[in-house]
Amino acid sequence: MELLGWIIIGLLAGALARLAMPGRDPGGCIVTLLLGIAGALLAGFVGRLAGLYAPGERAGFAAALLGAIAILALYRWFVDRR
């Protein structure tokens, strides 16, 4: 059930990350939402690893949004380098 919560938060974070980072997105909306899910999962994993979150808690929505923006920025950087 917790993973489903992360996926839902990731979808919202991916949509907001697309709004926060305007410009041409090489992957489109679906890729951006998937990167948002990856960012939310990354934020949760790193937060737990660093001891910021307990196993039953969710990472904050802000952390998921920052994770989604970071993943999206890395994705754009790697795609633009090709």
PDB file of N, CA and C in Angstrom:
ATOM      1  N   MET A   1       0.823  -1.195   0.000  1.00  0.00           N
ATOM      2  CA  MET A   1       0.000   0.000   0.000  1.00  0.00           C
ATOM      3  C   MET A   1       0.866   1.258   0.000  1.00  0.00           C
ATOM      4  N   GLU A   2       1.996   1.165   0.665  1.00  0.00           N
ATOM      5  CA  GLU A   2       2.881   2.322   0.724  1.00  0.00           C
ATOM      6  C   GLU A   2       3.446   2.660  -0.657  1.00  0.00           C
ATOM      7  N   LEU A   3       3.769   1.644  -1.440  1.00  0.00           N
ATOM      8  CA  LEU A   3       4.291   1.863  -2.778  1.00  0.00           C
ATOM      9  C   LEU A   3       3.261   2.555  -3.660  1.00  0.00           C
ATOM     10  N   LEU A   4       2.008   2.198  -3.505  1.00  0.00           N
ATOM     11  CA  LEU A   4       0.941   2.851  -4.266  1.00  0.00           C
ATOM     12  C   LEU A   4       0.855   4.336  -3.912  1.00  0.00           C
ATOM     13  N   GLY A   5       1.018   4.659  -2.634  1.00  0.00           N
ATOM     14  CA  GLY A   5       1.038   6.058  -2.213  1.00  0.00           C
ATOM     15  C   GLY A   5       2.180   6.831  -2.847  1.00  0.00           C
ATOM     16  N   TRP A   6       3.362   6.201  -2.911  1.00  0.00           N
ATOM     17  CA  TRP A   6       4.509   6.849  -3.555  1.00  0.00           C
ATOM     18  C   TRP A   6       4.254   7.081  -5.033  1.00  0.00           C
ATOM     19  N   ILE A   7       3.592   6.140  -5.671  1.00  0.00           N
ATOM     20  CA  ILE A   7       3.306   6.285  -7.101  1.00  0.00           C
ATOM     21  C   ILE A   7       2.344   7.444  -7.334  1.00  0.00           C
ATOM     22  N   ILE A   8       1.323   7.551  -6.505  1.00  0.00           N
ATOM     23  CA  ILE A   8       0.361   8.653  -6.645  1.00  0.00           C
ATOM     24  C   ILE A   8       1.035   9.995  -6.384  1.00  0.00           C
ATOM     25  N   ILE A   9       1.853  10.062  -5.335  1.00  0.00           N
ATOM     26  CA  ILE A   9       2.598  11.299  -5.053  1.00  0.00           C
ATOM     27  C   ILE A   9       3.546  11.601  -6.207  1.00  0.00           C
ATOM     28  N   GLY A  10       4.166  10.570  -6.759  1.00  0.00           N
ATOM     29  CA  GLY A  10       5.072  10.753  -7.883  1.00  0.00           C
ATOM     30  C   GLY A  10       4.389  11.284  -9.126  1.00  0.00           C
ATOM     31  N   LEU A  11       3.174  10.825  -9.386  1.00  0.00           N
ATOM     32  CA  LEU A  11       2.420  11.348 -10.529  1.00  0.00           C
ATOM     33  C   LEU A  11       2.133  12.837 -10.362  1.00  0.00           C
ATOM     34  N   LEU A  12       1.711  13.216  -9.167  1.00  0.00           N
ATOM     35  CA  LEU A  12       1.452  14.630  -8.906  1.00  0.00           C
ATOM     36  C   LEU A  12       2.737  15.446  -8.961  1.00  0.00           C
ATOM     37  N   ALA A  13       3.807  14.901  -8.388  1.00  0.00           N
ATOM     38  CA  ALA A  13       5.084  15.607  -8.402  1.00  0.00           C
ATOM     39  C   ALA A  13       5.614  15.746  -9.824  1.00  0.00           C
ATOM     40  N   GLY A  14       5.436  14.730 -10.655  1.00  0.00           N
ATOM     41  CA  GLY A  14       5.865  14.808 -12.049  1.00  0.00           C
ATOM     42  C   GLY A  14       5.112  15.875 -12.819  1.00  0.00           C
ATOM     43  N   ALA A  15       3.815  15.970 -12.570  1.00  0.00           N
ATOM     44  CA  ALA A  15       3.021  17.010 -13.240  1.00  0.00           C
ATOM     45  C   ALA A  15       3.457  18.397 -12.789  1.00  0.00           C
ATOM     46  N   LEU A  16       3.707  18.556 -11.497  1.00  0.00           N
ATOM     47  CA  LEU A  16       4.162  19.860 -11.003  1.00  0.00           C
ATOM     48  C   LEU A  16       5.592  20.164 -11.438  1.00  0.00           C
ATOM     49  N   ALA A  17       6.424  19.144 -11.560  1.00  0.00           N
ATOM     50  CA  ALA A  17       7.793  19.356 -12.035  1.00  0.00           C
ATOM     51  C   ALA A  17       7.785  19.849 -13.476  1.00  0.00           C
ATOM     52  N   ARG A  18       6.866  19.343 -14.256  1.00  0.00           N
ATOM     53  CA  ARG A  18       6.758  19.814 -15.649  1.00  0.00           C
ATOM     54  C   ARG A  18       6.356  21.291 -15.678  1.00  0.00           C
ATOM     55  N   LEU A  19       5.488  21.686 -14.766  1.00  0.00           N
ATOM     56  CA  LEU A  19       5.103  23.092 -14.695  1.00  0.00           C
ATOM     57  C   LEU A  19       6.244  23.956 -14.152  1.00  0.00           C
ATOM     58  N   ALA A  20       7.030  23.395 -13.226  1.00  0.00           N
ATOM     59  CA  ALA A  20       8.129  24.152 -12.614  1.00  0.00           C
ATOM     60  C   ALA A  20       9.307  24.311 -13.566  1.00  0.00           C
ATOM     61  N   MET A  21       9.443  23.390 -14.512  1.00  0.00           N
ATOM     62  CA  MET A  21      10.550  23.439 -15.477  1.00  0.00           C
ATOM     63  C   MET A  21       9.979  23.609 -16.881  1.00  0.00           C
ATOM     64  N   PRO A  22       9.643  24.831 -17.252  1.00  0.00           N
ATOM     65  CA  PRO A  22       9.059  25.026 -18.577  1.00  0.00           C
ATOM     66  C   PRO A  22      10.101  24.812 -19.666  1.00  0.00           C
ATOM     67  N   GLY A  23       9.612  24.668 -20.843  1.00  0.00           N
ATOM     68  CA  GLY A  23      10.494  24.454 -21.981  1.00  0.00           C
ATOM     69  C   GLY A  23      10.155  23.157 -22.676  1.00  0.00           C
ATOM     70  N   ARG A  24      10.911  22.892 -23.692  1.00  0.00           N
ATOM     71  CA  ARG A  24      10.667  21.687 -24.482  1.00  0.00           C
ATOM     72  C   ARG A  24      11.139  20.463 -23.709  1.00  0.00           C
ATOM     73  N   ASP A  25      10.257  19.515 -23.574  1.00  0.00           N
ATOM     74  CA  ASP A  25      10.571  18.290 -22.861  1.00  0.00           C
ATOM     75  C   ASP A  25      10.741  17.186 -23.886  1.00  0.00           C
ATOM     76  N   PRO A  26      11.906  16.535 -23.931  1.00  0.00           N
ATOM     77  CA  PRO A  26      12.152  15.552 -24.983  1.00  0.00           C
ATOM     78  C   PRO A  26      11.307  14.285 -24.883  1.00  0.00           C
ATOM     79  N   GLY A  27      10.754  13.988 -23.720  1.00  0.00           N
ATOM     80  CA  GLY A  27      10.039  12.732 -23.563  1.00  0.00           C
ATOM     81  C   GLY A  27       8.531  12.832 -23.624  1.00  0.00           C
ATOM     82  N   GLY A  28       7.993  13.987 -23.446  1.00  0.00           N
ATOM     83  CA  GLY A  28       6.549  14.126 -23.430  1.00  0.00           C
ATOM     84  C   GLY A  28       5.978  13.957 -22.034  1.00  0.00           C
ATOM     85  N   CYS A  29       4.659  13.980 -21.955  1.00  0.00           N
ATOM     86  CA  CYS A  29       3.967  13.946 -20.659  1.00  0.00           C
ATOM     87  C   CYS A  29       4.121  12.615 -19.943  1.00  0.00           C
ATOM     88  N   ILE A  30       4.023  11.535 -20.665  1.00  0.00           N
ATOM     89  CA  ILE A  30       4.101  10.213 -20.033  1.00  0.00           C
ATOM     90  C   ILE A  30       5.476  10.002 -19.405  1.00  0.00           C
ATOM     91  N   VAL A  31       6.527  10.347 -20.123  1.00  0.00           N
ATOM     92  CA  VAL A  31       7.881  10.194 -19.589  1.00  0.00           C
ATOM     93  C   VAL A  31       8.077  11.105 -18.384  1.00  0.00           C
ATOM     94  N   THR A  32       7.536  12.302 -18.435  1.00  0.00           N
ATOM     95  CA  THR A  32       7.653  13.217 -17.303  1.00  0.00           C
ATOM     96  C   THR A  32       6.958  12.658 -16.075  1.00  0.00           C
ATOM     97  N   LEU A  33       5.782  12.071 -16.234  1.00  0.00           N
ATOM     98  CA  LEU A  33       5.086  11.467 -15.102  1.00  0.00           C
ATOM     99  C   LEU A  33       5.852  10.268 -14.556  1.00  0.00           C
ATOM    100  N   LEU A  34       6.439   9.465 -15.433  1.00  0.00           N
ATOM    101  CA  LEU A  34       7.242   8.330 -14.978  1.00  0.00           C
ATOM    102  C   LEU A  34       8.497   8.802 -14.244  1.00  0.00           C
ATOM    103  N   LEU A  35       9.090   9.883 -14.723  1.00  0.00           N
ATOM    104  CA  LEU A  35      10.244  10.455 -14.022  1.00  0.00           C
ATOM    105  C   LEU A  35       9.826  11.040 -12.676  1.00  0.00           C
ATOM    106  N   GLY A  36       8.606  11.543 -12.588  1.00  0.00           N
ATOM    107  CA  GLY A  36       8.081  12.019 -11.314  1.00  0.00           C
ATOM    108  C   GLY A  36       7.937  10.888 -10.312  1.00  0.00           C
ATOM    109  N   ILE A  37       7.475   9.739 -10.781  1.00  0.00           N
ATOM    110  CA  ILE A  37       7.379   8.565  -9.909  1.00  0.00           C
ATOM    111  C   ILE A  37       8.771   8.168  -9.440  1.00  0.00           C
ATOM    112  N   ALA A  38       9.731   8.149 -10.360  1.00  0.00           N
ATOM    113  CA  ALA A  38      11.103   7.800  -9.991  1.00  0.00           C
ATOM    114  C   ALA A  38      11.673   8.797  -8.988  1.00  0.00           C
ATOM    115  N   GLY A  39      11.375  10.075  -9.165  1.00  0.00           N
ATOM    116  CA  GLY A  39      11.847  11.090  -8.230  1.00  0.00           C
ATOM    117  C   GLY A  39      11.248  10.939  -6.845  1.00  0.00           C
ATOM    118  N   ALA A  40       9.975  10.611  -6.790  1.00  0.00           N
ATOM    119  CA  ALA A  40       9.334  10.411  -5.491  1.00  0.00           C
ATOM    120  C   ALA A  40       9.888   9.182  -4.785  1.00  0.00           C
ATOM    121  N   LEU A  41      10.105   8.107  -5.539  1.00  0.00           N
ATOM    122  CA  LEU A  41      10.698   6.915  -4.942  1.00  0.00           C
ATOM    123  C   LEU A  41      12.126   7.188  -4.482  1.00  0.00           C
ATOM    124  N   LEU A  42      12.870   7.960  -5.273  1.00  0.00           N
ATOM    125  CA  LEU A  42      14.233   8.320  -4.893  1.00  0.00           C
ATOM    126  C   LEU A  42      14.247   9.163  -3.626  1.00  0.00           C
ATOM    127  N   ALA A  43      13.354  10.138  -3.545  1.00  0.00           N
ATOM    128  CA  ALA A  43      13.280  10.987  -2.357  1.00  0.00           C
ATOM    129  C   ALA A  43      12.923  10.173  -1.117  1.00  0.00           C
ATOM    130  N   GLY A  44      12.028   9.235  -1.260  1.00  0.00           N
ATOM    131  CA  GLY A  44      11.655   8.385  -0.133  1.00  0.00           C
ATOM    132  C   GLY A  44      12.781   7.472   0.294  1.00  0.00           C
ATOM    133  N   PHE A  45      13.473   6.884  -0.679  1.00  0.00           N
ATOM    134  CA  PHE A  45      14.569   5.971  -0.363  1.00  0.00           C
ATOM    135  C   PHE A  45      15.724   6.711   0.296  1.00  0.00           C
ATOM    136  N   VAL A  46      16.112   7.848  -0.265  1.00  0.00           N
ATOM    137  CA  VAL A  46      17.217   8.620   0.306  1.00  0.00           C
ATOM    138  C   VAL A  46      16.838   9.175   1.668  1.00  0.00           C
ATOM    139  N   GLY A  47      15.606   9.594   1.824  1.00  0.00           N
ATOM    140  CA  GLY A  47      15.145  10.105   3.112  1.00  0.00           C
ATOM    141  C   GLY A  47      15.193   9.044   4.197  1.00  0.00           C
ATOM    142  N   ARG A  48      14.813   7.843   3.854  1.00  0.00           N
ATOM    143  CA  ARG A  48      14.884   6.741   4.822  1.00  0.00           C
ATOM    144  C   ARG A  48      16.321   6.348   5.101  1.00  0.00           C
ATOM    145  N   LEU A  49      17.142   6.332   4.071  1.00  0.00           N
ATOM    146  CA  LEU A  49      18.545   5.974   4.230  1.00  0.00           C
ATOM    147  C   LEU A  49      19.269   6.984   5.117  1.00  0.00           C
ATOM    148  N   ALA A  50      18.906   8.253   4.985  1.00  0.00           N
ATOM    149  CA  ALA A  50      19.515   9.313   5.791  1.00  0.00           C
ATOM    150  C   ALA A  50      18.888   9.400   7.183  1.00  0.00           C
ATOM    151  N   GLY A  51      17.810   8.679   7.424  1.00  0.00           N
ATOM    152  CA  GLY A  51      17.163   8.702   8.729  1.00  0.00           C
ATOM    153  C   GLY A  51      16.191   9.854   8.915  1.00  0.00           C
ATOM    154  N   LEU A  52      15.783  10.486   7.821  1.00  0.00           N
ATOM    155  CA  LEU A  52      14.847  11.608   7.908  1.00  0.00           C
ATOM    156  C   LEU A  52      13.405  11.141   8.054  1.00  0.00           C
ATOM    157  N   TYR A  53      13.109   9.943   7.581  1.00  0.00           N
ATOM    158  CA  TYR A  53      11.746   9.421   7.614  1.00  0.00           C
ATOM    159  C   TYR A  53      11.754   8.049   8.272  1.00  0.00           C
ATOM    160  N   ALA A  54      10.729   7.782   9.036  1.00  0.00           N
ATOM    161  CA  ALA A  54      10.549   6.455   9.632  1.00  0.00           C
ATOM    162  C   ALA A  54       9.913   5.540   8.584  1.00  0.00           C
ATOM    163  N   PRO A  55      10.021   4.229   8.742  1.00  0.00           N
ATOM    164  CA  PRO A  55       9.462   3.317   7.733  1.00  0.00           C
ATOM    165  C   PRO A  55       7.968   3.497   7.480  1.00  0.00           C
ATOM    166  N   GLY A  56       7.177   3.922   8.447  1.00  0.00           N
ATOM    167  CA  GLY A  56       5.747   4.080   8.233  1.00  0.00           C
ATOM    168  C   GLY A  56       5.351   5.444   7.709  1.00  0.00           C
ATOM    169  N   GLU A  57       6.257   6.396   7.680  1.00  0.00           N
ATOM    170  CA  GLU A  57       5.937   7.758   7.249  1.00  0.00           C
ATOM    171  C   GLU A  57       6.192   7.923   5.754  1.00  0.00           C
ATOM    172  N   ARG A  58       5.528   8.880   5.203  1.00  0.00           N
ATOM    173  CA  ARG A  58       5.779   9.238   3.810  1.00  0.00           C
ATOM    174  C   ARG A  58       6.725  10.436   3.794  1.00  0.00           C
ATOM    175  N   ALA A  59       7.514  10.481   2.762  1.00  0.00           N
ATOM    176  CA  ALA A  59       8.345  11.672   2.583  1.00  0.00           C
ATOM    177  C   ALA A  59       7.413  12.832   2.272  1.00  0.00           C
ATOM    178  N   GLY A  60       7.828  14.013   2.582  1.00  0.00           N
ATOM    179  CA  GLY A  60       6.997  15.167   2.291  1.00  0.00           C
ATOM    180  C   GLY A  60       6.794  15.347   0.805  1.00  0.00           C
ATOM    181  N   PHE A  61       5.704  15.981   0.463  1.00  0.00           N
ATOM    182  CA  PHE A  61       5.424  16.221  -0.947  1.00  0.00           C
ATOM    183  C   PHE A  61       6.495  17.111  -1.561  1.00  0.00           C
ATOM    184  N   ALA A  62       7.058  18.017  -0.754  1.00  0.00           N
ATOM    185  CA  ALA A  62       8.131  18.882  -1.250  1.00  0.00           C
ATOM    186  C   ALA A  62       9.360  18.067  -1.619  1.00  0.00           C
ATOM    187  N   ALA A  63       9.689  17.057  -0.823  1.00  0.00           N
ATOM    188  CA  ALA A  63      10.832  16.207  -1.134  1.00  0.00           C
ATOM    189  C   ALA A  63      10.578  15.424  -2.418  1.00  0.00           C
ATOM    190  N   ALA A  64       9.364  14.945  -2.604  1.00  0.00           N
ATOM    191  CA  ALA A  64       9.024  14.227  -3.833  1.00  0.00           C
ATOM    192  C   ALA A  64       9.097  15.158  -5.038  1.00  0.00           C
ATOM    193  N   LEU A  65       8.652  16.384  -4.868  1.00  0.00           N
ATOM    194  CA  LEU A  65       8.721  17.361  -5.955  1.00  0.00           C
ATOM    195  C   LEU A  65      10.165  17.681  -6.298  1.00  0.00           C
ATOM    196  N   LEU A  66      11.005  17.873  -5.296  1.00  0.00           N
ATOM    197  CA  LEU A  66      12.424  18.138  -5.553  1.00  0.00           C
ATOM    198  C   LEU A  66      13.095  16.939  -6.212  1.00  0.00           C
ATOM    199  N   GLY A  67      12.737  15.748  -5.793  1.00  0.00           N
ATOM    200  CA  GLY A  67      13.279  14.555  -6.437  1.00  0.00           C
ATOM    201  C   GLY A  67      12.858  14.455  -7.889  1.00  0.00           C
ATOM    202  N   ALA A  68      11.601  14.767  -8.175  1.00  0.00           N
ATOM    203  CA  ALA A  68      11.108  14.731  -9.553  1.00  0.00           C
ATOM    204  C   ALA A  68      11.789  15.784 -10.413  1.00  0.00           C
ATOM    205  N   ILE A  69      11.993  16.972  -9.873  1.00  0.00           N
ATOM    206  CA  ILE A  69      12.677  18.025 -10.622  1.00  0.00           C
ATOM    207  C   ILE A  69      14.125  17.623 -10.891  1.00  0.00           C
ATOM    208  N   ALA A  70      14.780  17.025  -9.903  1.00  0.00           N
ATOM    209  CA  ALA A  70      16.167  16.600 -10.082  1.00  0.00           C
ATOM    210  C   ALA A  70      16.281  15.528 -11.157  1.00  0.00           C
ATOM    211  N   ILE A  71      15.396  14.539 -11.121  1.00  0.00           N
ATOM    212  CA  ILE A  71      15.421  13.474 -12.126  1.00  0.00           C
ATOM    213  C   ILE A  71      15.109  14.033 -13.517  1.00  0.00           C
ATOM    214  N   LEU A  72      14.138  14.941 -13.595  1.00  0.00           N
ATOM    215  CA  LEU A  72      13.781  15.544 -14.878  1.00  0.00           C
ATOM    216  C   LEU A  72      14.929  16.385 -15.426  1.00  0.00           C
ATOM    217  N   ALA A  73      15.613  17.123 -14.552  1.00  0.00           N
ATOM    218  CA  ALA A  73      16.754  17.929 -14.991  1.00  0.00           C
ATOM    219  C   ALA A  73      17.887  17.035 -15.498  1.00  0.00           C
ATOM    220  N   LEU A  74      18.155  15.946 -14.795  1.00  0.00           N
ATOM    221  CA  LEU A  74      19.182  15.006 -15.255  1.00  0.00           C
ATOM    222  C   LEU A  74      18.804  14.379 -16.591  1.00  0.00           C
ATOM    223  N   TYR A  75      17.538  14.032 -16.735  1.00  0.00           N
ATOM    224  CA  TYR A  75      17.067  13.453 -17.984  1.00  0.00           C
ATOM    225  C   TYR A  75      17.247  14.434 -19.143  1.00  0.00           C
ATOM    226  N   ARG A  76      16.845  15.672 -18.940  1.00  0.00           N
ATOM    227  CA  ARG A  76      17.010  16.677 -19.997  1.00  0.00           C
ATOM    228  C   ARG A  76      18.477  16.898 -20.325  1.00  0.00           C
ATOM    229  N   TRP A  77      19.326  16.901 -19.298  1.00  0.00           N
ATOM    230  CA  TRP A  77      20.751  17.131 -19.516  1.00  0.00           C
ATOM    231  C   TRP A  77      21.357  16.011 -20.352  1.00  0.00           C
ATOM    232  N   PHE A  78      21.023  14.746 -20.014  1.00  0.00           N
ATOM    233  CA  PHE A  78      21.563  13.617 -20.763  1.00  0.00           C
ATOM    234  C   PHE A  78      21.023  13.561 -22.189  1.00  0.00           C
ATOM    235  N   VAL A  79      19.761  13.880 -22.373  1.00  0.00           N
ATOM    236  CA  VAL A  79      19.174  13.835 -23.718  1.00  0.00           C
ATOM    237  C   VAL A  79      19.744  14.963 -24.588  1.00  0.00           C
ATOM    238  N   ASP A  80      19.958  16.140 -24.008  1.00  0.00           N
ATOM    239  CA  ASP A  80      20.507  17.263 -24.770  1.00  0.00           C
ATOM    240  C   ASP A  80      21.960  17.026 -25.157  1.00  0.00           C
ATOM    241  N   ARG A  81      22.685  16.234 -24.398  1.00  0.00           N
ATOM    242  CA  ARG A  81      24.085  15.971 -24.704  1.00  0.00           C
ATOM    243  C   ARG A  81      24.233  15.060 -25.910  1.00  0.00           C
ATOM    244  N   ARG A  82      23.220  14.278 -26.226  1.00  0.00           N
ATOM    245  CA  ARG A  82      23.300  13.361 -27.373  1.00  0.00           C
ATOM    246  C   ARG A  82      23.225  14.109 -28.634  1.00  0.00           C
TER     247      ARG A  82
END
